[in-house]
N, C-alpha and C. Protein backbone atom coordinates (compact mmCIF):
# COMPACT_ATOMS: atom_id res chain seq x y z
N UNK A 1 0.40 -1.02 -0.17
CA UNK A 1 0.19 0.32 0.10
C UNK A 1 1.07 1.08 0.10
N UNK A 2 1.02 1.78 -0.90
CA UNK A 2 1.81 3.65 -0.97
C UNK A 2 1.10 4.73 -0.28
N UNK A 3 2.03 5.48 0.32
CA UNK A 3 1.72 6.58 1.64
C UNK A 3 1.65 7.84 0.96
N UNK A 4 0.77 8.83 1.25
CA UNK A 4 1.51 10.07 0.52
C UNK A 4 1.81 9.91 2.25
N UNK A 5 2.69 10.93 2.47
CA UNK A 5 3.49 11.95 3.71
C UNK A 5 2.87 13.44 3.59
N UNK A 6 1.71 13.96 4.48
CA UNK A 6 1.15 15.06 5.23
C UNK A 6 3.00 16.34 4.41
N UNK A 7 2.50 17.54 4.37
CA UNK A 7 4.48 18.42 4.77
C UNK A 7 4.37 18.24 6.16
N UNK A 8 3.79 18.04 7.11
CA UNK A 8 3.55 18.29 9.06
C UNK A 8 4.50 17.59 9.16
N UNK A 9 4.37 16.44 8.01
CA UNK A 9 5.74 14.77 8.54
C UNK A 9 7.05 14.94 7.44
N UNK A 10 8.05 14.28 8.77
CA UNK A 10 8.68 14.36 7.52
C UNK A 10 8.92 14.01 6.13
N UNK A 11 9.64 14.59 5.47
CA UNK A 11 10.31 13.77 3.68
C UNK A 11 11.13 13.08 3.43
N UNK A 12 11.65 13.05 5.50
CA UNK A 12 13.44 11.90 5.17
C UNK A 12 12.06 10.47 5.97
N UNK A 13 11.94 10.20 6.17
CA UNK A 13 10.21 9.01 7.16
C UNK A 13 9.86 8.39 5.38
N UNK A 14 9.64 8.77 3.43
CA UNK A 14 10.13 8.10 3.63
C UNK A 14 10.95 7.71 3.24
N UNK A 15 11.98 7.62 2.80
CA UNK A 15 13.14 6.52 3.10
C UNK A 15 12.73 5.64 4.00
N UNK A 16 12.89 5.83 5.64
CA UNK A 16 12.42 4.50 6.95
C UNK A 16 10.97 3.61 6.45
N UNK A 17 10.07 4.01 5.59
CA UNK A 17 8.66 3.47 5.61
C UNK A 17 9.32 2.88 4.02
N UNK A 18 9.87 3.26 2.63
CA UNK A 18 9.55 1.97 1.74
C UNK A 18 9.52 1.41 1.38
N UNK A 19 10.49 0.68 2.26
CA UNK A 19 10.82 -1.53 3.22
C UNK A 19 9.37 -1.79 3.45
N UNK A 20 8.50 -1.20 4.22
CA UNK A 20 6.78 -1.30 5.21
C UNK A 20 6.44 -0.96 3.58
N UNK A 21 5.86 0.47 2.96
CA UNK A 21 5.51 0.67 1.91
C UNK A 21 5.70 0.93 1.23
N UNK A 22 5.72 -0.04 -0.33
CA UNK A 22 6.61 1.34 -0.89
C UNK A 22 5.75 1.39 -1.81
N UNK A 23 6.67 2.64 -2.02
CA UNK A 23 5.87 3.48 -4.11
C UNK A 23 5.26 5.04 -3.06
N UNK A 24 6.33 5.12 -1.11
CA UNK A 24 5.47 5.57 -0.37
C UNK A 24 6.27 7.38 -0.84
N UNK A 25 5.72 8.04 -1.36
CA UNK A 25 5.74 9.46 -1.32
C UNK A 25 5.95 10.63 -0.72
N UNK A 26 6.51 11.49 -0.44
CA UNK A 26 5.85 13.01 -0.05
C UNK A 26 5.33 13.84 -0.48
N UNK A 27 4.21 15.74 -0.43
CA UNK A 27 4.20 16.18 -1.19
C UNK A 27 4.94 16.92 -1.88
N UNK A 28 5.84 17.24 -0.58
CA UNK A 28 7.19 18.05 -0.75
C UNK A 28 8.64 17.60 -2.29
N UNK A 29 8.31 16.11 -2.02
CA UNK A 29 9.14 15.75 -2.39
C UNK A 29 8.24 15.48 -4.67
N UNK A 30 6.91 16.19 -4.43
CA UNK A 30 6.22 15.82 -4.65
C UNK A 30 6.02 17.45 -6.42
N UNK A 31 6.43 18.43 -5.39
CA UNK A 31 6.36 19.16 -6.05
C UNK A 31 4.83 19.86 -5.58
N UNK A 32 4.18 19.39 -4.27
CA UNK A 32 2.15 19.41 -3.78
C UNK A 32 2.80 20.11 -2.86
N UNK A 33 4.08 21.34 -2.38
CA UNK A 33 3.79 21.64 -0.92
C UNK A 33 1.95 22.26 -0.55
N UNK A 34 1.16 23.69 -2.24
CA UNK A 34 0.75 24.02 -1.92
C UNK A 34 -0.76 24.13 -1.73
N UNK A 35 -0.64 22.77 -2.89
CA UNK A 35 -1.92 21.79 -3.43
C UNK A 35 -3.04 21.92 -2.54
N UNK A 36 -4.27 22.38 -2.52
CA UNK A 36 -5.68 22.15 -1.26
C UNK A 36 -5.39 20.19 -0.54
N UNK A 37 -5.34 20.81 0.22
CA UNK A 37 -6.02 18.46 1.18
C UNK A 37 -7.21 18.55 -0.24
N UNK A 38 -7.87 19.10 -0.23
CA UNK A 38 -8.71 18.58 -0.72
C UNK A 38 -8.62 17.82 -1.62
N UNK A 39 -7.77 18.28 -3.29
CA UNK A 39 -6.73 17.87 -4.70
C UNK A 39 -6.27 16.72 -3.82
N UNK A 40 -4.86 16.78 -2.81
CA UNK A 40 -5.22 16.16 -1.88
C UNK A 40 -5.38 13.87 -2.12
N UNK A 41 -6.07 14.53 -0.91
CA UNK A 41 -7.99 13.70 -1.39
C UNK A 41 -7.85 13.10 -2.62
């Protein structure tokens, strides 16, 4: 199950979670820092 981490969580968590949750991403790494939560959902 892939995860999308919110900007309130550190982007550094992506590396730590990848082995448990492949395809984990962070909004910062995707350039989505200013994207409305509703669109992310």
